[in-house]
Amino acid sequence: MTVLQNNSFPGKVPSEIHRLFRLRVLFLSNNSFQGTVPTNLTHCSELRELNLVDNKLEDKILEELGSLSKLRALGLANNNLTGRIPASLGNLSSLTLLSAGDNNLEGSIHEELGRTTIERIRVGINRLTSTIPSYIYNLSNMRDIELGANQLEEVLVWILVLPLLILVS
């Protein structure tokens, strides 16, 4: 486990991080990291939790993160990320948390996420559009969702269908 959160580390996330190939948990939240998430982070194939919340990361969410087959929690909120939520995240069958709110993400929430064991989706304060994907109606594990401050349709109907829902934003 590597916990380096709540510092003021500047610059880029070190590309040498891929050398920690047995790393299971990486918390780099609440720092001042800029630039992109290093692609070679995917060499950390044992990674279960990745928390990069509250930095200044830019560019898009890497498609390559979908190759981290053991990843359960992905925290990318409060950055400057753009583009779409990658469909490749649907490859993460153990994913229970996707936190990517307060960025500049656009497009839709992919159907592929329905292949995961997702319990918490936090994607509020973005520029997401379209309707709520139909697979969400069948997610029995869904406990927590934040969709506010987007341009999504059918939110009220969706809330009424999920009896286990705890938080709606």
N, C-alpha and C. Protein backbone atom coordinates (compact mmCIF):
# COMPACT_ATOMS: atom_id res chain seq x y z
N MET A 1 0.85 -1.16 0.00
CA MET A 1 0.00 0.00 0.00
C MET A 1 0.90 1.23 0.00
N THR A 2 0.56 2.18 -0.84
CA THR A 2 1.28 3.44 -0.88
C THR A 2 0.28 4.57 -0.68
N VAL A 3 0.42 5.27 0.42
CA VAL A 3 -0.47 6.37 0.74
C VAL A 3 0.36 7.64 0.80
N LEU A 4 0.17 8.49 -0.18
CA LEU A 4 0.89 9.76 -0.26
C LEU A 4 -0.10 10.91 -0.45
N GLN A 5 -1.26 10.77 0.16
CA GLN A 5 -2.29 11.78 0.00
C GLN A 5 -2.06 12.94 0.96
N ASN A 6 -2.75 14.05 0.68
CA ASN A 6 -2.72 15.24 1.53
C ASN A 6 -1.33 15.85 1.66
N ASN A 7 -0.61 15.86 0.60
CA ASN A 7 0.66 16.57 0.52
C ASN A 7 0.47 17.66 -0.52
N SER A 8 1.49 18.26 -0.95
CA SER A 8 1.39 19.26 -2.02
C SER A 8 2.37 18.90 -3.12
N PHE A 9 2.46 17.62 -3.42
CA PHE A 9 3.39 17.18 -4.45
C PHE A 9 3.06 17.86 -5.77
N PRO A 10 4.01 18.58 -6.35
CA PRO A 10 3.77 19.23 -7.65
C PRO A 10 4.22 18.34 -8.79
N GLY A 11 4.00 18.81 -10.00
CA GLY A 11 4.50 18.13 -11.19
C GLY A 11 3.64 16.96 -11.60
N LYS A 12 4.25 16.05 -12.32
CA LYS A 12 3.54 14.90 -12.87
C LYS A 12 3.61 13.71 -11.91
N VAL A 13 2.63 12.82 -12.05
CA VAL A 13 2.71 11.55 -11.34
C VAL A 13 3.95 10.84 -11.88
N PRO A 14 4.87 10.42 -11.03
CA PRO A 14 6.11 9.83 -11.51
C PRO A 14 5.87 8.62 -12.41
N SER A 15 6.49 8.63 -13.57
CA SER A 15 6.32 7.50 -14.50
C SER A 15 6.98 6.24 -13.97
N GLU A 16 7.90 6.38 -13.03
CA GLU A 16 8.57 5.21 -12.46
C GLU A 16 7.65 4.37 -11.58
N ILE A 17 6.48 4.85 -11.36
CA ILE A 17 5.53 4.12 -10.50
C ILE A 17 5.25 2.71 -11.02
N HIS A 18 5.44 2.50 -12.32
CA HIS A 18 5.19 1.17 -12.89
C HIS A 18 6.12 0.10 -12.33
N ARG A 19 7.20 0.52 -11.72
CA ARG A 19 8.13 -0.44 -11.14
C ARG A 19 7.55 -1.13 -9.91
N LEU A 20 6.51 -0.55 -9.34
CA LEU A 20 5.85 -1.13 -8.17
C LEU A 20 4.79 -2.12 -8.64
N PHE A 21 5.22 -3.13 -9.37
CA PHE A 21 4.29 -4.03 -10.04
C PHE A 21 3.46 -4.88 -9.09
N ARG A 22 3.82 -4.94 -7.81
CA ARG A 22 3.03 -5.69 -6.83
C ARG A 22 2.10 -4.78 -6.02
N LEU A 23 2.11 -3.52 -6.34
CA LEU A 23 1.32 -2.52 -5.63
C LEU A 23 -0.17 -2.86 -5.71
N ARG A 24 -0.85 -2.80 -4.56
CA ARG A 24 -2.28 -3.11 -4.51
C ARG A 24 -3.14 -1.87 -4.29
N VAL A 25 -2.61 -0.90 -3.54
CA VAL A 25 -3.36 0.32 -3.21
C VAL A 25 -2.46 1.52 -3.45
N LEU A 26 -2.98 2.50 -4.18
CA LEU A 26 -2.22 3.72 -4.44
C LEU A 26 -3.12 4.92 -4.20
N PHE A 27 -2.83 5.67 -3.14
CA PHE A 27 -3.57 6.89 -2.82
C PHE A 27 -2.65 8.08 -3.05
N LEU A 28 -2.95 8.86 -4.06
CA LEU A 28 -2.21 10.09 -4.37
C LEU A 28 -3.15 11.29 -4.35
N SER A 29 -4.25 11.18 -3.63
CA SER A 29 -5.26 12.23 -3.63
C SER A 29 -4.78 13.47 -2.87
N ASN A 30 -5.44 14.59 -3.21
CA ASN A 30 -5.22 15.87 -2.55
C ASN A 30 -3.75 16.29 -2.59
N ASN A 31 -3.22 16.31 -3.79
CA ASN A 31 -1.89 16.82 -4.06
C ASN A 31 -2.02 17.87 -5.16
N SER A 32 -0.95 18.15 -5.85
CA SER A 32 -0.98 19.12 -6.95
C SER A 32 -0.44 18.50 -8.23
N PHE A 33 -0.63 17.20 -8.40
CA PHE A 33 -0.15 16.54 -9.61
C PHE A 33 -0.84 17.11 -10.83
N GLN A 34 -0.07 17.31 -11.89
CA GLN A 34 -0.57 17.84 -13.15
C GLN A 34 -0.26 16.87 -14.26
N GLY A 35 -0.72 17.19 -15.45
CA GLY A 35 -0.45 16.36 -16.62
C GLY A 35 -1.41 15.20 -16.70
N THR A 36 -0.96 14.10 -17.23
CA THR A 36 -1.82 12.94 -17.46
C THR A 36 -1.48 11.81 -16.48
N VAL A 37 -2.38 10.88 -16.38
CA VAL A 37 -2.12 9.66 -15.62
C VAL A 37 -1.14 8.84 -16.46
N PRO A 38 -0.02 8.42 -15.90
CA PRO A 38 0.96 7.67 -16.70
C PRO A 38 0.37 6.36 -17.25
N THR A 39 0.53 6.14 -18.53
CA THR A 39 0.02 4.93 -19.17
C THR A 39 0.64 3.68 -18.57
N ASN A 40 1.91 3.76 -18.19
CA ASN A 40 2.57 2.56 -17.67
C ASN A 40 2.10 2.18 -16.27
N LEU A 41 1.19 2.95 -15.69
CA LEU A 41 0.57 2.55 -14.43
C LEU A 41 -0.13 1.20 -14.58
N THR A 42 -0.49 0.87 -15.79
CA THR A 42 -1.17 -0.41 -16.05
C THR A 42 -0.23 -1.61 -15.84
N HIS A 43 1.06 -1.37 -15.67
CA HIS A 43 1.98 -2.46 -15.33
C HIS A 43 1.79 -2.90 -13.89
N CYS A 44 1.09 -2.11 -13.09
CA CYS A 44 0.79 -2.47 -11.71
C CYS A 44 -0.45 -3.36 -11.71
N SER A 45 -0.28 -4.56 -12.20
CA SER A 45 -1.41 -5.45 -12.48
C SER A 45 -2.11 -5.96 -11.22
N GLU A 46 -1.53 -5.77 -10.04
CA GLU A 46 -2.16 -6.19 -8.79
C GLU A 46 -2.98 -5.07 -8.16
N LEU A 47 -3.04 -3.91 -8.80
CA LEU A 47 -3.70 -2.74 -8.24
C LEU A 47 -5.18 -3.00 -7.98
N ARG A 48 -5.62 -2.74 -6.74
CA ARG A 48 -7.02 -2.92 -6.34
C ARG A 48 -7.73 -1.57 -6.18
N GLU A 49 -6.97 -0.57 -5.68
CA GLU A 49 -7.53 0.75 -5.45
C GLU A 49 -6.57 1.81 -6.00
N LEU A 50 -7.13 2.72 -6.77
CA LEU A 50 -6.36 3.83 -7.33
C LEU A 50 -7.12 5.11 -7.03
N ASN A 51 -6.52 5.98 -6.23
CA ASN A 51 -7.17 7.22 -5.84
C ASN A 51 -6.29 8.40 -6.25
N LEU A 52 -6.76 9.13 -7.26
CA LEU A 52 -6.08 10.32 -7.76
C LEU A 52 -6.97 11.56 -7.62
N VAL A 53 -7.90 11.52 -6.68
CA VAL A 53 -8.87 12.59 -6.46
C VAL A 53 -8.15 13.87 -6.01
N ASP A 54 -8.72 15.02 -6.37
CA ASP A 54 -8.25 16.33 -5.92
C ASP A 54 -6.80 16.62 -6.34
N ASN A 55 -6.55 16.52 -7.63
CA ASN A 55 -5.28 16.94 -8.19
C ASN A 55 -5.58 17.89 -9.34
N LYS A 56 -4.67 18.04 -10.25
CA LYS A 56 -4.87 18.91 -11.42
C LYS A 56 -4.59 18.13 -12.70
N LEU A 57 -4.98 16.87 -12.69
CA LEU A 57 -4.72 16.01 -13.84
C LEU A 57 -5.57 16.45 -15.02
N GLU A 58 -5.00 16.28 -16.21
CA GLU A 58 -5.65 16.73 -17.44
C GLU A 58 -5.74 15.59 -18.43
N ASP A 59 -6.30 15.89 -19.57
CA ASP A 59 -6.45 14.96 -20.67
C ASP A 59 -7.60 14.01 -20.38
N LYS A 60 -7.59 12.85 -20.97
CA LYS A 60 -8.72 11.93 -20.84
C LYS A 60 -8.41 10.82 -19.86
N ILE A 61 -9.46 10.11 -19.45
CA ILE A 61 -9.28 8.91 -18.64
C ILE A 61 -8.72 7.83 -19.56
N LEU A 62 -7.65 7.22 -19.16
CA LEU A 62 -6.96 6.25 -20.01
C LEU A 62 -7.79 5.01 -20.29
N GLU A 63 -7.92 4.65 -21.55
CA GLU A 63 -8.55 3.38 -21.94
C GLU A 63 -7.81 2.21 -21.29
N GLU A 64 -6.50 2.36 -21.16
CA GLU A 64 -5.65 1.30 -20.63
C GLU A 64 -6.01 0.91 -19.20
N LEU A 65 -6.67 1.79 -18.46
CA LEU A 65 -7.06 1.43 -17.09
C LEU A 65 -7.99 0.22 -17.09
N GLY A 66 -8.65 -0.03 -18.19
CA GLY A 66 -9.52 -1.19 -18.32
C GLY A 66 -8.77 -2.51 -18.29
N SER A 67 -7.45 -2.47 -18.35
CA SER A 67 -6.66 -3.71 -18.28
C SER A 67 -6.26 -4.07 -16.84
N LEU A 68 -6.57 -3.20 -15.88
CA LEU A 68 -6.25 -3.49 -14.48
C LEU A 68 -7.36 -4.37 -13.91
N SER A 69 -7.30 -5.64 -14.22
CA SER A 69 -8.42 -6.56 -13.99
C SER A 69 -8.81 -6.73 -12.52
N LYS A 70 -7.95 -6.37 -11.59
CA LYS A 70 -8.27 -6.54 -10.16
C LYS A 70 -8.74 -5.24 -9.51
N LEU A 71 -8.84 -4.18 -10.30
CA LEU A 71 -9.21 -2.88 -9.76
C LEU A 71 -10.64 -2.89 -9.24
N ARG A 72 -10.81 -2.47 -7.99
CA ARG A 72 -12.13 -2.39 -7.36
C ARG A 72 -12.61 -0.96 -7.19
N ALA A 73 -11.68 -0.03 -6.99
CA ALA A 73 -12.06 1.37 -6.75
C ALA A 73 -11.18 2.28 -7.59
N LEU A 74 -11.83 3.17 -8.33
CA LEU A 74 -11.11 4.13 -9.18
C LEU A 74 -11.60 5.53 -8.84
N GLY A 75 -10.72 6.34 -8.25
CA GLY A 75 -11.05 7.70 -7.86
C GLY A 75 -10.31 8.71 -8.71
N LEU A 76 -11.06 9.45 -9.51
CA LEU A 76 -10.49 10.45 -10.40
C LEU A 76 -11.19 11.81 -10.27
N ALA A 77 -12.02 11.98 -9.25
CA ALA A 77 -12.82 13.19 -9.10
C ALA A 77 -11.96 14.43 -8.84
N ASN A 78 -12.56 15.58 -9.13
CA ASN A 78 -11.94 16.87 -8.85
C ASN A 78 -10.58 17.05 -9.51
N ASN A 79 -10.56 16.82 -10.80
CA ASN A 79 -9.40 17.07 -11.63
C ASN A 79 -9.85 17.91 -12.82
N ASN A 80 -9.12 17.89 -13.89
CA ASN A 80 -9.49 18.59 -15.12
C ASN A 80 -9.57 17.62 -16.28
N LEU A 81 -10.09 16.43 -16.03
CA LEU A 81 -10.14 15.39 -17.05
C LEU A 81 -11.24 15.70 -18.07
N THR A 82 -10.96 15.35 -19.31
CA THR A 82 -11.89 15.63 -20.41
C THR A 82 -12.18 14.33 -21.16
N GLY A 83 -13.03 14.43 -22.17
CA GLY A 83 -13.35 13.27 -22.99
C GLY A 83 -14.44 12.43 -22.37
N ARG A 84 -14.48 11.18 -22.76
CA ARG A 84 -15.53 10.26 -22.34
C ARG A 84 -15.04 9.31 -21.26
N ILE A 85 -15.99 8.74 -20.54
CA ILE A 85 -15.67 7.65 -19.63
C ILE A 85 -15.40 6.44 -20.52
N PRO A 86 -14.21 5.85 -20.46
CA PRO A 86 -13.87 4.78 -21.39
C PRO A 86 -14.75 3.54 -21.23
N ALA A 87 -15.16 3.00 -22.35
CA ALA A 87 -15.92 1.75 -22.35
C ALA A 87 -15.10 0.61 -21.77
N SER A 88 -13.77 0.71 -21.86
CA SER A 88 -12.89 -0.35 -21.35
C SER A 88 -13.03 -0.57 -19.85
N LEU A 89 -13.58 0.41 -19.12
CA LEU A 89 -13.79 0.21 -17.69
C LEU A 89 -14.80 -0.92 -17.44
N GLY A 90 -15.57 -1.25 -18.42
CA GLY A 90 -16.49 -2.39 -18.33
C GLY A 90 -15.77 -3.72 -18.23
N ASN A 91 -14.48 -3.75 -18.56
CA ASN A 91 -13.67 -4.96 -18.42
C ASN A 91 -13.32 -5.24 -16.96
N LEU A 92 -13.52 -4.26 -16.09
CA LEU A 92 -13.13 -4.38 -14.69
C LEU A 92 -14.27 -5.05 -13.91
N SER A 93 -14.33 -6.36 -13.99
CA SER A 93 -15.46 -7.09 -13.41
C SER A 93 -15.57 -6.92 -11.89
N SER A 94 -14.50 -6.53 -11.22
CA SER A 94 -14.52 -6.33 -9.76
C SER A 94 -14.77 -4.89 -9.36
N LEU A 95 -14.93 -4.00 -10.31
CA LEU A 95 -15.09 -2.58 -10.00
C LEU A 95 -16.37 -2.34 -9.20
N THR A 96 -16.23 -1.73 -8.02
CA THR A 96 -17.38 -1.38 -7.20
C THR A 96 -17.57 0.12 -7.08
N LEU A 97 -16.51 0.90 -7.29
CA LEU A 97 -16.59 2.35 -7.17
C LEU A 97 -15.94 3.03 -8.37
N LEU A 98 -16.70 3.92 -8.99
CA LEU A 98 -16.16 4.82 -10.00
C LEU A 98 -16.49 6.24 -9.55
N SER A 99 -15.46 6.98 -9.18
CA SER A 99 -15.61 8.35 -8.74
C SER A 99 -14.88 9.25 -9.72
N ALA A 100 -15.65 9.94 -10.56
CA ALA A 100 -15.05 10.80 -11.57
C ALA A 100 -15.81 12.12 -11.69
N GLY A 101 -16.45 12.54 -10.61
CA GLY A 101 -17.20 13.78 -10.61
C GLY A 101 -16.30 15.00 -10.63
N ASP A 102 -16.91 16.13 -10.96
CA ASP A 102 -16.22 17.42 -10.97
C ASP A 102 -15.00 17.41 -11.89
N ASN A 103 -15.24 17.02 -13.11
CA ASN A 103 -14.26 17.07 -14.19
C ASN A 103 -14.96 17.74 -15.37
N ASN A 104 -14.49 17.49 -16.55
CA ASN A 104 -15.13 17.99 -17.77
C ASN A 104 -15.45 16.85 -18.71
N LEU A 105 -15.92 15.74 -18.15
CA LEU A 105 -16.22 14.56 -18.95
C LEU A 105 -17.51 14.79 -19.73
N GLU A 106 -17.58 14.19 -20.90
CA GLU A 106 -18.75 14.35 -21.76
C GLU A 106 -19.17 13.02 -22.34
N GLY A 107 -20.26 13.03 -23.07
CA GLY A 107 -20.76 11.80 -23.68
C GLY A 107 -21.70 11.09 -22.73
N SER A 108 -21.83 9.79 -22.91
CA SER A 108 -22.78 9.00 -22.14
C SER A 108 -22.06 8.09 -21.16
N ILE A 109 -22.85 7.48 -20.28
CA ILE A 109 -22.34 6.45 -19.37
C ILE A 109 -22.49 5.14 -20.14
N HIS A 110 -21.39 4.48 -20.42
CA HIS A 110 -21.39 3.31 -21.31
C HIS A 110 -22.13 2.11 -20.74
N GLU A 111 -22.77 1.39 -21.62
CA GLU A 111 -23.45 0.14 -21.28
C GLU A 111 -22.47 -0.88 -20.70
N GLU A 112 -21.21 -0.80 -21.11
CA GLU A 112 -20.21 -1.77 -20.67
C GLU A 112 -20.03 -1.79 -19.16
N LEU A 113 -20.29 -0.67 -18.47
CA LEU A 113 -20.16 -0.66 -17.02
C LEU A 113 -21.13 -1.63 -16.36
N GLY A 114 -22.14 -2.05 -17.07
CA GLY A 114 -23.09 -3.02 -16.56
C GLY A 114 -22.49 -4.40 -16.37
N ARG A 115 -21.30 -4.63 -16.91
CA ARG A 115 -20.62 -5.92 -16.72
C ARG A 115 -19.84 -5.97 -15.41
N THR A 116 -19.77 -4.85 -14.70
CA THR A 116 -19.01 -4.78 -13.45
C THR A 116 -19.93 -5.08 -12.27
N THR A 117 -19.36 -5.08 -11.08
CA THR A 117 -20.14 -5.23 -9.85
C THR A 117 -20.33 -3.86 -9.20
N ILE A 118 -20.49 -2.86 -10.01
CA ILE A 118 -20.53 -1.46 -9.56
C ILE A 118 -21.59 -1.25 -8.48
N GLU A 119 -21.19 -0.60 -7.40
CA GLU A 119 -22.09 -0.24 -6.31
C GLU A 119 -22.24 1.27 -6.19
N ARG A 120 -21.19 1.99 -6.58
CA ARG A 120 -21.19 3.44 -6.42
C ARG A 120 -20.65 4.10 -7.68
N ILE A 121 -21.47 4.94 -8.27
CA ILE A 121 -21.05 5.75 -9.42
C ILE A 121 -21.19 7.20 -9.03
N ARG A 122 -20.10 7.92 -9.08
CA ARG A 122 -20.09 9.34 -8.73
C ARG A 122 -19.52 10.11 -9.91
N VAL A 123 -20.42 10.60 -10.74
CA VAL A 123 -20.00 11.31 -11.95
C VAL A 123 -20.72 12.66 -12.09
N GLY A 124 -21.16 13.21 -10.98
CA GLY A 124 -21.82 14.51 -11.02
C GLY A 124 -20.84 15.62 -11.39
N ILE A 125 -21.37 16.75 -11.78
CA ILE A 125 -20.60 17.94 -12.16
C ILE A 125 -19.64 17.63 -13.31
N ASN A 126 -20.21 17.20 -14.39
CA ASN A 126 -19.50 16.98 -15.64
C ASN A 126 -20.38 17.52 -16.76
N ARG A 127 -20.17 17.06 -17.96
CA ARG A 127 -21.01 17.45 -19.09
C ARG A 127 -21.58 16.21 -19.77
N LEU A 128 -21.94 15.22 -18.97
CA LEU A 128 -22.49 13.97 -19.51
C LEU A 128 -23.87 14.23 -20.09
N THR A 129 -24.17 13.54 -21.17
CA THR A 129 -25.45 13.72 -21.87
C THR A 129 -26.09 12.36 -22.11
N SER A 130 -27.24 12.37 -22.74
CA SER A 130 -27.97 11.18 -23.14
C SER A 130 -28.88 10.71 -22.01
N THR A 131 -29.33 9.48 -22.12
CA THR A 131 -30.21 8.92 -21.11
C THR A 131 -29.41 8.04 -20.16
N ILE A 132 -30.04 7.69 -19.06
CA ILE A 132 -29.42 6.75 -18.13
C ILE A 132 -29.43 5.38 -18.81
N PRO A 133 -28.28 4.69 -18.85
CA PRO A 133 -28.24 3.39 -19.52
C PRO A 133 -29.22 2.39 -18.90
N SER A 134 -29.85 1.58 -19.72
CA SER A 134 -30.86 0.65 -19.24
C SER A 134 -30.30 -0.40 -18.28
N TYR A 135 -29.03 -0.75 -18.37
CA TYR A 135 -28.47 -1.75 -17.48
C TYR A 135 -28.55 -1.32 -16.02
N ILE A 136 -28.54 -0.04 -15.75
CA ILE A 136 -28.54 0.45 -14.38
C ILE A 136 -29.81 0.00 -13.64
N TYR A 137 -30.91 -0.16 -14.38
CA TYR A 137 -32.14 -0.61 -13.75
C TYR A 137 -32.01 -2.02 -13.17
N ASN A 138 -31.04 -2.78 -13.63
CA ASN A 138 -30.87 -4.17 -13.19
C ASN A 138 -29.71 -4.37 -12.23
N LEU A 139 -29.07 -3.32 -11.79
CA LEU A 139 -27.92 -3.44 -10.90
C LEU A 139 -28.39 -3.57 -9.45
N SER A 140 -28.40 -4.79 -8.97
CA SER A 140 -28.91 -5.03 -7.61
C SER A 140 -27.96 -4.52 -6.53
N ASN A 141 -26.70 -4.29 -6.86
CA ASN A 141 -25.72 -3.83 -5.87
C ASN A 141 -25.63 -2.32 -5.74
N MET A 142 -26.30 -1.58 -6.61
CA MET A 142 -26.16 -0.12 -6.62
C MET A 142 -26.61 0.47 -5.30
N ARG A 143 -25.69 1.21 -4.65
CA ARG A 143 -25.96 1.81 -3.34
C ARG A 143 -25.87 3.32 -3.36
N ASP A 144 -25.11 3.87 -4.25
CA ASP A 144 -24.77 5.29 -4.16
C ASP A 144 -24.53 5.81 -5.57
N ILE A 145 -25.19 6.90 -5.91
CA ILE A 145 -24.97 7.46 -7.23
C ILE A 145 -25.05 8.98 -7.18
N GLU A 146 -24.17 9.61 -7.88
CA GLU A 146 -24.20 11.06 -8.04
C GLU A 146 -24.17 11.35 -9.53
N LEU A 147 -25.23 11.97 -10.01
CA LEU A 147 -25.35 12.30 -11.42
C LEU A 147 -25.62 13.79 -11.63
N GLY A 148 -25.79 14.55 -10.57
CA GLY A 148 -26.19 15.95 -10.67
C GLY A 148 -25.24 16.80 -11.49
N ALA A 149 -25.77 17.92 -11.97
CA ALA A 149 -25.01 18.90 -12.74
C ALA A 149 -24.44 18.29 -14.03
N ASN A 150 -25.26 17.52 -14.71
CA ASN A 150 -24.99 16.99 -16.04
C ASN A 150 -26.20 17.31 -16.91
N GLN A 151 -26.25 16.80 -18.10
CA GLN A 151 -27.42 16.98 -18.97
C GLN A 151 -28.07 15.63 -19.26
N LEU A 152 -28.21 14.81 -18.24
CA LEU A 152 -28.79 13.48 -18.40
C LEU A 152 -30.31 13.55 -18.36
N GLU A 153 -30.96 12.59 -19.02
CA GLU A 153 -32.41 12.50 -19.06
C GLU A 153 -32.88 11.33 -18.21
N GLU A 154 -34.14 11.32 -17.84
CA GLU A 154 -34.80 10.21 -17.15
C GLU A 154 -34.29 9.94 -15.74
N VAL A 155 -33.71 10.92 -15.06
CA VAL A 155 -33.15 10.68 -13.74
C VAL A 155 -34.24 10.33 -12.72
N LEU A 156 -35.36 11.02 -12.71
CA LEU A 156 -36.40 10.76 -11.72
C LEU A 156 -36.96 9.35 -11.84
N VAL A 157 -37.24 8.90 -13.05
CA VAL A 157 -37.74 7.54 -13.25
C VAL A 157 -36.74 6.53 -12.70
N TRP A 158 -35.48 6.77 -12.93
CA TRP A 158 -34.43 5.87 -12.52
C TRP A 158 -34.35 5.76 -11.01
N ILE A 159 -34.49 6.86 -10.30
CA ILE A 159 -34.42 6.86 -8.85
C ILE A 159 -35.52 5.98 -8.25
N LEU A 160 -36.69 6.01 -8.80
CA LEU A 160 -37.81 5.25 -8.26
C LEU A 160 -37.64 3.75 -8.41
N VAL A 161 -36.79 3.32 -9.31
CA VAL A 161 -36.59 1.90 -9.58
C VAL A 161 -35.56 1.26 -8.67
N LEU A 162 -34.65 2.03 -8.11
CA LEU A 162 -33.56 1.48 -7.32
C LEU A 162 -33.85 1.55 -5.82
N PRO A 163 -34.34 0.48 -5.21
CA PRO A 163 -34.72 0.52 -3.80
C PRO A 163 -33.56 0.63 -2.83
N LEU A 164 -32.36 0.23 -3.22
CA LEU A 164 -31.21 0.27 -2.32
C LEU A 164 -30.44 1.57 -2.37
N LEU A 165 -30.88 2.50 -3.17
CA LEU A 165 -30.15 3.73 -3.38
C LEU A 165 -30.05 4.54 -2.09
N ILE A 166 -28.84 5.01 -1.77
CA ILE A 166 -28.61 5.78 -0.56
C ILE A 166 -28.50 7.27 -0.87
N LEU A 167 -27.77 7.62 -1.89
CA LEU A 167 -27.46 9.02 -2.14
C LEU A 167 -27.73 9.36 -3.58
N VAL A 168 -28.44 10.44 -3.80
CA VAL A 168 -28.65 10.95 -5.15
C VAL A 168 -28.32 12.41 -5.12
N SER A 169 -27.51 12.82 -6.05
CA SER A 169 -27.13 14.22 -6.10
C SER A 169 -27.69 14.84 -7.35
